């Protein structure tokens, strides 16, 4: 629920929501995955989540911001999208979120 009110980046293959964890700013980036019934039946939804999980495993260490929770939401194209296109979508979304996440971390002037 917290991620819904956080930052968001949408691409053809995926939507990524990000929220900073104030209680653990130096902890690892964490990820959650979801696919609604609009995507398809259980088999199709599970395939979409498996693909997003693997892409996140590859990309979060490179482009994720420490202390941030990410929610990866499958879109209609996610299950059948070409692997390289899905990776590009996720990388692009993570890169666009990173500066906004970091900007939200800057200490307020006292």
N, C-alpha and C. Protein backbone atom coordinates (compact mmCIF):
# COMPACT_ATOMS: atom_id res chain seq x y z
N UNK A 1 0.81 -1.19 0.00
CA UNK A 1 0.00 0.00 0.00
C UNK A 1 0.86 1.27 0.00
N UNK A 2 1.98 1.25 0.74
CA UNK A 2 2.84 2.43 0.78
C UNK A 2 3.39 2.76 -0.59
N UNK A 3 3.71 1.75 -1.37
CA UNK A 3 4.32 1.98 -2.68
C UNK A 3 3.37 2.72 -3.62
N UNK A 4 2.09 2.52 -3.44
CA UNK A 4 1.10 3.18 -4.29
C UNK A 4 1.24 4.70 -4.19
N UNK A 5 1.62 5.19 -3.01
CA UNK A 5 1.75 6.63 -2.81
C UNK A 5 3.16 7.14 -3.10
N UNK A 6 4.05 6.25 -3.52
CA UNK A 6 5.43 6.63 -3.79
C UNK A 6 5.63 7.07 -5.23
N UNK A 7 6.84 6.92 -5.68
CA UNK A 7 7.20 7.28 -7.05
C UNK A 7 6.79 6.18 -8.01
N UNK A 8 6.62 6.53 -9.28
CA UNK A 8 6.12 5.56 -10.26
C UNK A 8 6.78 5.83 -11.61
N UNK A 9 7.11 4.74 -12.31
CA UNK A 9 7.62 4.83 -13.68
C UNK A 9 6.95 3.73 -14.49
N UNK A 10 6.33 4.10 -15.59
CA UNK A 10 5.62 3.14 -16.43
C UNK A 10 6.32 3.01 -17.77
N UNK A 11 6.44 1.79 -18.22
CA UNK A 11 7.00 1.46 -19.52
C UNK A 11 6.06 0.44 -20.16
N UNK A 12 6.21 0.17 -21.46
CA UNK A 12 5.29 -0.78 -22.11
C UNK A 12 5.26 -2.17 -21.45
N UNK A 13 6.38 -2.62 -20.91
CA UNK A 13 6.42 -3.97 -20.35
C UNK A 13 6.22 -4.06 -18.86
N UNK A 14 6.28 -2.92 -18.15
CA UNK A 14 6.23 -2.99 -16.68
C UNK A 14 5.94 -1.60 -16.09
N UNK A 15 5.34 -1.62 -14.92
CA UNK A 15 5.21 -0.41 -14.10
C UNK A 15 6.01 -0.67 -12.83
N UNK A 16 6.81 0.30 -12.42
CA UNK A 16 7.59 0.14 -11.19
C UNK A 16 7.21 1.27 -10.24
N UNK A 17 6.88 0.89 -9.01
CA UNK A 17 6.63 1.86 -7.95
C UNK A 17 7.78 1.77 -6.97
N UNK A 18 8.17 2.90 -6.40
CA UNK A 18 9.30 2.91 -5.46
C UNK A 18 8.95 3.77 -4.26
N UNK A 19 9.36 3.29 -3.09
CA UNK A 19 9.18 4.06 -1.86
C UNK A 19 10.40 3.84 -0.98
N UNK A 20 10.87 4.92 -0.39
CA UNK A 20 12.04 4.86 0.48
C UNK A 20 11.61 4.35 1.85
N UNK A 21 12.43 3.48 2.43
CA UNK A 21 12.17 2.99 3.79
C UNK A 21 12.88 3.91 4.77
N UNK A 22 12.16 4.73 5.50
CA UNK A 22 12.82 5.66 6.43
C UNK A 22 13.50 4.94 7.59
N UNK A 23 13.02 3.74 7.93
CA UNK A 23 13.59 3.01 9.06
C UNK A 23 14.85 2.24 8.71
N UNK A 24 15.15 2.10 7.42
CA UNK A 24 16.33 1.32 6.99
C UNK A 24 16.94 1.96 5.75
N UNK A 25 17.47 3.19 5.85
CA UNK A 25 17.96 3.89 4.66
C UNK A 25 19.19 3.27 4.01
N UNK A 26 19.93 2.45 4.75
CA UNK A 26 21.14 1.86 4.17
C UNK A 26 20.98 0.38 3.86
N UNK A 27 19.79 -0.16 4.06
CA UNK A 27 19.54 -1.57 3.79
C UNK A 27 19.48 -1.84 2.29
N UNK A 28 19.39 -3.09 1.94
CA UNK A 28 19.35 -3.43 0.51
C UNK A 28 18.03 -3.01 -0.13
N UNK A 29 18.07 -2.80 -1.43
CA UNK A 29 16.84 -2.56 -2.18
C UNK A 29 16.02 -3.85 -2.15
N UNK A 30 14.71 -3.73 -1.91
CA UNK A 30 13.85 -4.91 -1.87
C UNK A 30 12.84 -4.82 -3.00
N UNK A 31 12.34 -5.97 -3.42
CA UNK A 31 11.42 -6.00 -4.55
C UNK A 31 10.21 -6.87 -4.26
N UNK A 32 9.07 -6.45 -4.79
CA UNK A 32 7.84 -7.22 -4.76
C UNK A 32 7.29 -7.27 -6.18
N UNK A 33 6.50 -8.27 -6.46
CA UNK A 33 6.01 -8.48 -7.83
C UNK A 33 4.52 -8.77 -7.81
N UNK A 34 3.80 -8.20 -8.77
CA UNK A 34 2.37 -8.46 -8.84
C UNK A 34 1.90 -8.48 -10.29
N UNK A 35 0.88 -9.28 -10.52
CA UNK A 35 0.23 -9.36 -11.83
C UNK A 35 -1.26 -9.59 -11.56
N UNK A 36 -2.10 -8.71 -12.07
CA UNK A 36 -3.53 -8.83 -11.83
C UNK A 36 -4.16 -9.82 -12.80
N UNK A 37 -5.41 -10.14 -12.55
CA UNK A 37 -6.12 -11.08 -13.42
C UNK A 37 -6.35 -10.52 -14.82
N UNK A 38 -6.19 -9.20 -14.98
CA UNK A 38 -6.30 -8.61 -16.31
C UNK A 38 -5.22 -9.16 -17.24
N UNK A 39 -4.09 -9.57 -16.66
CA UNK A 39 -2.97 -10.08 -17.44
C UNK A 39 -3.32 -11.42 -18.07
N UNK A 40 -4.09 -12.23 -17.35
CA UNK A 40 -4.46 -13.55 -17.85
C UNK A 40 -4.67 -14.51 -16.71
N UNK A 41 -4.72 -15.78 -17.04
CA UNK A 41 -4.91 -16.83 -16.04
C UNK A 41 -3.67 -17.00 -15.18
N UNK A 42 -3.75 -17.92 -14.25
CA UNK A 42 -2.67 -18.13 -13.29
C UNK A 42 -1.34 -18.45 -13.96
N UNK A 43 -1.37 -19.25 -15.00
CA UNK A 43 -0.14 -19.63 -15.68
C UNK A 43 0.53 -18.40 -16.30
N UNK A 44 -0.26 -17.57 -16.94
CA UNK A 44 0.28 -16.36 -17.59
C UNK A 44 0.78 -15.38 -16.54
N UNK A 45 0.03 -15.20 -15.46
CA UNK A 45 0.47 -14.28 -14.39
C UNK A 45 1.76 -14.76 -13.75
N UNK A 46 1.86 -16.06 -13.51
CA UNK A 46 3.09 -16.60 -12.92
C UNK A 46 4.28 -16.43 -13.86
N UNK A 47 4.05 -16.60 -15.15
CA UNK A 47 5.13 -16.41 -16.12
C UNK A 47 5.61 -14.95 -16.10
N UNK A 48 4.66 -14.03 -16.05
CA UNK A 48 5.01 -12.61 -16.00
C UNK A 48 5.84 -12.31 -14.74
N UNK A 49 5.43 -12.84 -13.61
CA UNK A 49 6.16 -12.59 -12.36
C UNK A 49 7.54 -13.24 -12.37
N UNK A 50 7.65 -14.43 -12.94
CA UNK A 50 8.97 -15.09 -13.04
C UNK A 50 9.92 -14.25 -13.88
N UNK A 51 9.41 -13.72 -14.98
CA UNK A 51 10.25 -12.90 -15.87
C UNK A 51 10.68 -11.61 -15.18
N UNK A 52 9.76 -10.97 -14.47
CA UNK A 52 10.11 -9.74 -13.76
C UNK A 52 11.10 -10.04 -12.63
N UNK A 53 10.91 -11.17 -11.93
CA UNK A 53 11.82 -11.54 -10.85
C UNK A 53 13.25 -11.71 -11.36
N UNK A 54 13.38 -12.40 -12.48
CA UNK A 54 14.72 -12.63 -13.04
C UNK A 54 15.34 -11.31 -13.51
N UNK A 55 14.55 -10.47 -14.15
CA UNK A 55 15.07 -9.18 -14.60
C UNK A 55 15.48 -8.32 -13.40
N UNK A 56 14.68 -8.34 -12.35
CA UNK A 56 15.01 -7.57 -11.15
C UNK A 56 16.28 -8.12 -10.49
N UNK A 57 16.44 -9.43 -10.51
CA UNK A 57 17.65 -10.03 -9.94
C UNK A 57 18.89 -9.50 -10.65
N UNK A 58 18.78 -9.30 -11.96
CA UNK A 58 19.91 -8.81 -12.74
C UNK A 58 20.10 -7.30 -12.59
N UNK A 59 19.01 -6.54 -12.51
CA UNK A 59 19.10 -5.09 -12.61
C UNK A 59 19.13 -4.34 -11.27
N UNK A 60 18.48 -4.85 -10.25
CA UNK A 60 18.44 -4.12 -8.98
C UNK A 60 19.82 -3.88 -8.38
N UNK A 61 20.73 -4.86 -8.42
CA UNK A 61 22.07 -4.56 -7.88
C UNK A 61 22.78 -3.43 -8.63
N UNK A 62 22.44 -3.24 -9.89
CA UNK A 62 23.09 -2.21 -10.70
C UNK A 62 22.41 -0.84 -10.58
N UNK A 63 21.07 -0.85 -10.54
CA UNK A 63 20.32 0.41 -10.65
C UNK A 63 19.38 0.69 -9.49
N UNK A 64 19.26 -0.23 -8.57
CA UNK A 64 18.37 -0.01 -7.42
C UNK A 64 19.06 0.88 -6.39
N UNK A 65 18.27 1.65 -5.67
CA UNK A 65 18.79 2.53 -4.62
C UNK A 65 18.62 1.83 -3.28
N UNK A 66 19.69 1.80 -2.50
CA UNK A 66 19.65 1.16 -1.19
C UNK A 66 18.55 1.77 -0.32
N UNK A 67 17.92 0.93 0.48
CA UNK A 67 16.88 1.40 1.37
C UNK A 67 15.56 1.72 0.70
N UNK A 68 15.36 1.19 -0.49
CA UNK A 68 14.15 1.46 -1.26
C UNK A 68 13.39 0.17 -1.52
N UNK A 69 12.08 0.23 -1.40
CA UNK A 69 11.21 -0.89 -1.77
C UNK A 69 10.66 -0.62 -3.16
N UNK A 70 10.78 -1.62 -4.03
CA UNK A 70 10.26 -1.52 -5.39
C UNK A 70 9.14 -2.53 -5.56
N UNK A 71 8.07 -2.11 -6.26
CA UNK A 71 6.99 -3.03 -6.62
C UNK A 71 6.94 -3.05 -8.14
N UNK A 72 7.11 -4.23 -8.71
CA UNK A 72 7.08 -4.42 -10.15
C UNK A 72 5.69 -4.94 -10.52
N UNK A 73 4.99 -4.21 -11.37
CA UNK A 73 3.62 -4.56 -11.75
C UNK A 73 3.62 -4.96 -13.22
N UNK A 74 3.14 -6.16 -13.48
CA UNK A 74 3.09 -6.66 -14.85
C UNK A 74 2.03 -5.90 -15.65
N UNK A 75 2.32 -5.71 -16.91
CA UNK A 75 1.35 -5.14 -17.85
C UNK A 75 0.97 -6.22 -18.85
N UNK A 76 0.02 -5.92 -19.69
CA UNK A 76 -0.48 -6.91 -20.64
C UNK A 76 0.63 -7.48 -21.52
N UNK A 77 1.64 -6.68 -21.84
CA UNK A 77 2.74 -7.12 -22.71
C UNK A 77 3.82 -7.92 -21.99
N UNK A 78 3.84 -7.89 -20.67
CA UNK A 78 4.94 -8.49 -19.92
C UNK A 78 5.19 -9.97 -20.23
N UNK A 79 4.16 -10.83 -20.25
CA UNK A 79 4.44 -12.26 -20.44
C UNK A 79 5.04 -12.60 -21.81
N UNK A 80 4.67 -11.85 -22.84
CA UNK A 80 5.12 -12.20 -24.19
C UNK A 80 6.18 -11.24 -24.73
N UNK A 81 6.52 -10.21 -24.00
CA UNK A 81 7.49 -9.23 -24.49
C UNK A 81 8.86 -9.88 -24.67
N UNK A 82 9.56 -9.48 -25.71
CA UNK A 82 10.91 -10.00 -25.95
C UNK A 82 11.76 -9.73 -24.71
N UNK A 83 12.62 -10.68 -24.34
CA UNK A 83 13.40 -10.58 -23.12
C UNK A 83 14.23 -9.31 -23.09
N UNK A 84 14.91 -8.98 -24.20
CA UNK A 84 15.75 -7.78 -24.22
C UNK A 84 14.90 -6.52 -24.08
N UNK A 85 13.71 -6.52 -24.66
CA UNK A 85 12.82 -5.36 -24.53
C UNK A 85 12.34 -5.21 -23.10
N UNK A 86 12.03 -6.33 -22.43
CA UNK A 86 11.60 -6.27 -21.04
C UNK A 86 12.74 -5.75 -20.15
N UNK A 87 13.95 -6.25 -20.39
CA UNK A 87 15.11 -5.75 -19.64
C UNK A 87 15.30 -4.25 -19.87
N UNK A 88 15.17 -3.81 -21.11
CA UNK A 88 15.32 -2.38 -21.43
C UNK A 88 14.25 -1.55 -20.71
N UNK A 89 13.01 -2.05 -20.71
CA UNK A 89 11.92 -1.34 -20.03
C UNK A 89 12.22 -1.20 -18.54
N UNK A 90 12.62 -2.30 -17.92
CA UNK A 90 12.88 -2.27 -16.48
C UNK A 90 14.09 -1.40 -16.15
N UNK A 91 15.13 -1.50 -16.95
CA UNK A 91 16.32 -0.69 -16.72
C UNK A 91 16.00 0.80 -16.87
N UNK A 92 15.27 1.14 -17.91
CA UNK A 92 14.89 2.52 -18.15
C UNK A 92 14.06 3.07 -16.99
N UNK A 93 13.12 2.27 -16.51
CA UNK A 93 12.27 2.72 -15.40
C UNK A 93 13.10 2.89 -14.12
N UNK A 94 13.98 1.95 -13.84
CA UNK A 94 14.82 2.05 -12.64
C UNK A 94 15.74 3.27 -12.72
N UNK A 95 16.30 3.52 -13.90
CA UNK A 95 17.18 4.67 -14.07
C UNK A 95 16.43 5.99 -13.91
N UNK A 96 15.18 6.03 -14.37
CA UNK A 96 14.41 7.26 -14.22
C UNK A 96 13.96 7.47 -12.78
N UNK A 97 13.77 6.40 -12.03
CA UNK A 97 13.37 6.52 -10.63
C UNK A 97 14.53 6.90 -9.71
N UNK A 98 15.73 6.45 -10.02
CA UNK A 98 16.87 6.61 -9.12
C UNK A 98 17.12 8.06 -8.68
N UNK A 99 17.20 9.03 -9.59
CA UNK A 99 17.46 10.39 -9.11
C UNK A 99 16.31 10.95 -8.28
N UNK A 100 15.08 10.56 -8.62
CA UNK A 100 13.93 11.05 -7.84
C UNK A 100 13.92 10.43 -6.45
N UNK A 101 14.32 9.16 -6.35
CA UNK A 101 14.40 8.51 -5.03
C UNK A 101 15.49 9.18 -4.21
N UNK A 102 16.64 9.41 -4.83
CA UNK A 102 17.75 10.05 -4.11
C UNK A 102 17.40 11.48 -3.69
N UNK A 103 16.67 12.19 -4.53
CA UNK A 103 16.25 13.57 -4.20
C UNK A 103 15.35 13.59 -2.99
N UNK A 104 14.54 12.57 -2.85
CA UNK A 104 13.66 12.47 -1.68
C UNK A 104 14.40 12.16 -0.41
N UNK A 105 15.65 11.73 -0.52
CA UNK A 105 16.46 11.37 0.64
C UNK A 105 17.27 12.53 1.19
N UNK A 106 17.40 13.58 0.42
CA UNK A 106 18.26 14.66 0.88
C UNK A 106 17.71 15.24 2.18
N UNK A 107 18.57 15.49 3.15
CA UNK A 107 18.09 16.01 4.42
C UNK A 107 17.51 17.41 4.25
N UNK A 108 16.44 17.67 4.97
CA UNK A 108 15.81 19.00 4.92
C UNK A 108 16.75 19.99 5.62
N UNK A 109 16.88 21.18 5.03
CA UNK A 109 17.71 22.18 5.69
C UNK A 109 17.08 22.56 7.03
N UNK A 110 17.88 22.63 8.07
CA UNK A 110 17.35 22.89 9.41
C UNK A 110 17.13 24.33 9.71
